[in-house]
N, C-alpha and C. Protein backbone atom coordinates (compact mmCIF):
# COMPACT_ATOMS: atom_id res chain seq x y z
N MET A 1 7.12 -19.33 -14.73
CA MET A 1 8.32 -18.52 -14.62
C MET A 1 8.08 -17.17 -15.30
N SER A 2 8.50 -16.10 -14.65
CA SER A 2 8.31 -14.76 -15.17
C SER A 2 9.23 -14.48 -16.34
N ARG A 3 8.75 -13.68 -17.25
CA ARG A 3 9.57 -13.24 -18.38
C ARG A 3 10.64 -12.29 -17.86
N VAL A 4 11.89 -12.44 -18.32
CA VAL A 4 12.98 -11.56 -17.94
C VAL A 4 13.11 -10.48 -19.01
N ILE A 5 13.06 -9.22 -18.59
CA ILE A 5 13.03 -8.09 -19.52
C ILE A 5 14.21 -7.17 -19.24
N ASP A 6 14.94 -6.83 -20.28
CA ASP A 6 16.08 -5.93 -20.17
C ASP A 6 15.59 -4.48 -20.07
N ILE A 7 16.34 -3.65 -19.35
CA ILE A 7 15.96 -2.25 -19.19
C ILE A 7 15.89 -1.53 -20.54
N SER A 8 16.69 -1.97 -21.52
CA SER A 8 16.64 -1.33 -22.83
C SER A 8 15.28 -1.56 -23.51
N GLU A 9 14.66 -2.71 -23.24
CA GLU A 9 13.32 -2.96 -23.77
C GLU A 9 12.30 -2.11 -23.04
N VAL A 10 12.43 -2.02 -21.73
CA VAL A 10 11.53 -1.19 -20.93
C VAL A 10 11.58 0.25 -21.44
N ALA A 11 12.77 0.75 -21.71
CA ALA A 11 12.97 2.14 -22.12
C ALA A 11 12.22 2.49 -23.40
N GLN A 12 11.92 1.51 -24.23
CA GLN A 12 11.20 1.75 -25.48
C GLN A 12 9.71 2.01 -25.26
N HIS A 13 9.23 1.69 -24.08
CA HIS A 13 7.80 1.82 -23.77
C HIS A 13 7.59 3.03 -22.87
N ASN A 14 7.69 4.21 -23.47
CA ASN A 14 7.69 5.45 -22.68
C ASN A 14 6.69 6.49 -23.20
N LYS A 15 5.60 6.00 -23.78
CA LYS A 15 4.60 6.90 -24.34
C LYS A 15 3.23 6.62 -23.72
N GLU A 16 2.34 7.55 -23.89
CA GLU A 16 1.01 7.42 -23.31
C GLU A 16 0.28 6.17 -23.82
N ASP A 17 0.51 5.82 -25.08
CA ASP A 17 -0.19 4.66 -25.65
C ASP A 17 0.63 3.37 -25.57
N ASP A 18 1.75 3.42 -24.86
CA ASP A 18 2.62 2.25 -24.67
C ASP A 18 3.58 2.57 -23.52
N CYS A 19 3.17 2.27 -22.32
CA CYS A 19 3.90 2.74 -21.14
C CYS A 19 4.18 1.62 -20.14
N TRP A 20 5.48 1.33 -19.95
CA TRP A 20 5.92 0.35 -18.97
C TRP A 20 6.74 1.07 -17.92
N ILE A 21 6.66 0.57 -16.69
CA ILE A 21 7.50 1.08 -15.60
C ILE A 21 8.08 -0.10 -14.83
N VAL A 22 9.12 0.18 -14.05
CA VAL A 22 9.73 -0.82 -13.19
C VAL A 22 9.58 -0.37 -11.75
N ILE A 23 9.13 -1.28 -10.90
CA ILE A 23 9.03 -1.03 -9.46
C ILE A 23 9.53 -2.27 -8.75
N ARG A 24 10.56 -2.09 -7.93
CA ARG A 24 11.16 -3.19 -7.15
C ARG A 24 11.49 -4.40 -8.02
N GLY A 25 12.06 -4.14 -9.18
CA GLY A 25 12.53 -5.21 -10.04
C GLY A 25 11.46 -5.90 -10.87
N LYS A 26 10.23 -5.43 -10.79
CA LYS A 26 9.16 -6.00 -11.60
C LYS A 26 8.76 -4.98 -12.66
N VAL A 27 8.47 -5.49 -13.85
CA VAL A 27 8.10 -4.64 -14.98
C VAL A 27 6.58 -4.68 -15.12
N TYR A 28 5.99 -3.49 -15.22
CA TYR A 28 4.54 -3.36 -15.34
C TYR A 28 4.17 -2.60 -16.60
N ASP A 29 3.16 -3.10 -17.31
CA ASP A 29 2.59 -2.38 -18.45
C ASP A 29 1.40 -1.59 -17.91
N VAL A 30 1.59 -0.29 -17.72
CA VAL A 30 0.57 0.55 -17.11
C VAL A 30 -0.26 1.31 -18.14
N THR A 31 -0.10 0.96 -19.41
CA THR A 31 -0.78 1.67 -20.50
C THR A 31 -2.28 1.79 -20.25
N GLU A 32 -2.93 0.70 -19.93
CA GLU A 32 -4.39 0.71 -19.75
C GLU A 32 -4.82 1.35 -18.43
N PHE A 33 -3.88 1.58 -17.53
CA PHE A 33 -4.20 2.14 -16.21
C PHE A 33 -3.95 3.65 -16.14
N ILE A 34 -3.28 4.21 -17.14
CA ILE A 34 -2.89 5.62 -17.10
C ILE A 34 -4.05 6.54 -16.76
N GLU A 35 -5.16 6.39 -17.45
CA GLU A 35 -6.31 7.30 -17.23
C GLU A 35 -6.95 7.10 -15.86
N GLU A 36 -6.78 5.94 -15.25
CA GLU A 36 -7.39 5.64 -13.96
C GLU A 36 -6.49 6.00 -12.78
N HIS A 37 -5.22 6.28 -13.03
CA HIS A 37 -4.28 6.51 -11.93
C HIS A 37 -4.73 7.69 -11.07
N PRO A 38 -4.92 7.46 -9.77
CA PRO A 38 -5.40 8.51 -8.87
C PRO A 38 -4.50 9.75 -8.82
N GLY A 39 -3.22 9.57 -9.08
CA GLY A 39 -2.28 10.70 -9.06
C GLY A 39 -2.24 11.48 -10.36
N GLY A 40 -3.04 11.07 -11.32
CA GLY A 40 -3.09 11.74 -12.61
C GLY A 40 -2.28 11.00 -13.67
N GLU A 41 -2.66 11.24 -14.91
CA GLU A 41 -2.02 10.57 -16.04
C GLU A 41 -0.54 10.91 -16.15
N GLY A 42 -0.23 12.16 -15.91
CA GLY A 42 1.13 12.65 -16.11
C GLY A 42 2.18 11.94 -15.29
N VAL A 43 1.79 11.45 -14.13
CA VAL A 43 2.75 10.79 -13.24
C VAL A 43 3.32 9.54 -13.92
N LEU A 44 2.45 8.69 -14.41
CA LEU A 44 2.92 7.46 -15.03
C LEU A 44 3.65 7.73 -16.34
N ILE A 45 3.15 8.65 -17.12
CA ILE A 45 3.79 8.98 -18.40
C ILE A 45 5.19 9.54 -18.16
N ALA A 46 5.33 10.38 -17.15
CA ALA A 46 6.63 11.00 -16.85
C ALA A 46 7.70 9.95 -16.53
N TYR A 47 7.30 8.85 -15.92
CA TYR A 47 8.26 7.82 -15.54
C TYR A 47 8.22 6.61 -16.46
N GLY A 48 7.47 6.69 -17.53
CA GLY A 48 7.39 5.60 -18.49
C GLY A 48 8.77 5.22 -19.01
N GLY A 49 9.02 3.93 -19.08
CA GLY A 49 10.29 3.44 -19.59
C GLY A 49 11.43 3.46 -18.60
N THR A 50 11.12 3.71 -17.33
CA THR A 50 12.18 3.83 -16.32
C THR A 50 11.86 3.01 -15.06
N ASP A 51 12.87 2.92 -14.20
CA ASP A 51 12.69 2.34 -12.87
C ASP A 51 12.24 3.48 -11.96
N CYS A 52 11.02 3.43 -11.51
CA CYS A 52 10.49 4.50 -10.66
C CYS A 52 10.20 4.00 -9.24
N THR A 53 11.01 3.06 -8.79
CA THR A 53 10.84 2.49 -7.46
C THR A 53 10.86 3.57 -6.38
N GLU A 54 11.84 4.46 -6.43
CA GLU A 54 11.95 5.50 -5.40
C GLU A 54 10.72 6.39 -5.38
N GLN A 55 10.23 6.77 -6.54
CA GLN A 55 9.05 7.63 -6.61
C GLN A 55 7.82 6.90 -6.08
N PHE A 56 7.70 5.62 -6.42
CA PHE A 56 6.57 4.81 -5.95
C PHE A 56 6.59 4.70 -4.43
N GLU A 57 7.76 4.43 -3.88
CA GLU A 57 7.87 4.23 -2.44
C GLU A 57 7.74 5.53 -1.64
N SER A 58 7.87 6.66 -2.30
CA SER A 58 7.75 7.94 -1.59
C SER A 58 6.29 8.35 -1.38
N VAL A 59 5.37 7.57 -1.93
CA VAL A 59 3.94 7.86 -1.82
C VAL A 59 3.24 6.64 -1.22
N ILE A 60 2.25 6.87 -0.39
CA ILE A 60 1.48 5.77 0.19
C ILE A 60 0.52 5.24 -0.87
N HIS A 61 0.52 3.91 -1.05
CA HIS A 61 -0.37 3.27 -2.00
C HIS A 61 -1.30 2.31 -1.27
N SER A 62 -2.51 2.19 -1.76
CA SER A 62 -3.53 1.35 -1.13
C SER A 62 -3.31 -0.13 -1.43
N GLN A 63 -4.04 -0.97 -0.73
CA GLN A 63 -4.05 -2.40 -1.01
C GLN A 63 -4.58 -2.65 -2.42
N ALA A 64 -5.54 -1.83 -2.84
CA ALA A 64 -6.10 -1.95 -4.19
C ALA A 64 -5.00 -1.74 -5.23
N ALA A 65 -4.08 -0.82 -4.97
CA ALA A 65 -2.97 -0.57 -5.89
C ALA A 65 -2.11 -1.83 -6.04
N THR A 66 -1.89 -2.52 -4.94
CA THR A 66 -1.11 -3.76 -4.96
C THR A 66 -1.80 -4.81 -5.82
N GLU A 67 -3.11 -4.91 -5.70
CA GLU A 67 -3.87 -5.88 -6.49
C GLU A 67 -3.83 -5.52 -7.98
N ILE A 68 -3.97 -4.25 -8.29
CA ILE A 68 -3.91 -3.80 -9.68
C ILE A 68 -2.54 -4.10 -10.27
N MET A 69 -1.50 -3.88 -9.50
CA MET A 69 -0.14 -4.13 -9.99
C MET A 69 0.06 -5.59 -10.38
N LYS A 70 -0.53 -6.50 -9.63
CA LYS A 70 -0.41 -7.93 -9.97
C LYS A 70 -0.96 -8.21 -11.37
N GLU A 71 -2.04 -7.52 -11.70
CA GLU A 71 -2.67 -7.71 -13.01
C GLU A 71 -1.84 -7.10 -14.14
N LEU A 72 -1.06 -6.07 -13.84
CA LEU A 72 -0.30 -5.34 -14.87
C LEU A 72 1.12 -5.86 -15.06
N GLU A 73 1.53 -6.81 -14.25
CA GLU A 73 2.92 -7.29 -14.30
C GLU A 73 3.23 -7.99 -15.61
N LYS A 74 4.35 -7.57 -16.25
CA LYS A 74 4.82 -8.16 -17.51
C LYS A 74 5.93 -9.17 -17.26
N GLY A 75 6.76 -8.92 -16.25
CA GLY A 75 7.90 -9.79 -15.99
C GLY A 75 8.83 -9.16 -14.97
N VAL A 76 10.06 -9.65 -14.96
CA VAL A 76 11.06 -9.16 -14.01
C VAL A 76 12.20 -8.49 -14.77
N LEU A 77 12.81 -7.51 -14.14
CA LEU A 77 13.91 -6.77 -14.75
C LEU A 77 15.18 -7.60 -14.73
N LYS A 78 15.81 -7.74 -15.87
CA LYS A 78 17.06 -8.49 -15.98
C LYS A 78 18.13 -7.87 -15.09
N GLY A 79 18.77 -8.70 -14.28
CA GLY A 79 19.88 -8.24 -13.44
C GLY A 79 19.48 -7.45 -12.21
N TYR A 80 18.19 -7.41 -11.90
CA TYR A 80 17.74 -6.63 -10.74
C TYR A 80 18.32 -7.17 -9.44
N LYS A 81 18.86 -6.27 -8.64
CA LYS A 81 19.36 -6.60 -7.32
C LYS A 81 18.72 -5.62 -6.34
N PRO A 82 17.96 -6.12 -5.38
CA PRO A 82 17.34 -5.22 -4.40
C PRO A 82 18.39 -4.45 -3.63
N LYS A 83 18.09 -3.19 -3.37
CA LYS A 83 19.00 -2.37 -2.57
C LYS A 83 18.88 -2.82 -1.13
N SER A 84 20.02 -2.96 -0.47
CA SER A 84 19.98 -3.35 0.93
C SER A 84 19.55 -2.17 1.78
N LYS A 85 18.77 -2.46 2.78
CA LYS A 85 18.32 -1.41 3.70
C LYS A 85 19.17 -1.49 4.95
N LEU A 86 19.90 -0.45 5.19
CA LEU A 86 20.80 -0.43 6.36
C LEU A 86 20.06 -0.07 7.61
């Protein structure tokens, strides 16, 4: 069972040396991936501690990105409800 993480906890991890993000209701610790991110370090740091689902979905990501995300997953966001697509 995945760990349930409140957004207030995620918000505390918003620095280069401690960076978590939320994408589609899953919480990821991207700290160790920051320097490797193809879009540059600043992208992940800028959204550290937040839900950046919209920003993530606005860019095409590779299958490799999906595999890396599985390794970085910390848990699920408390109370997450997927947005319905009309």
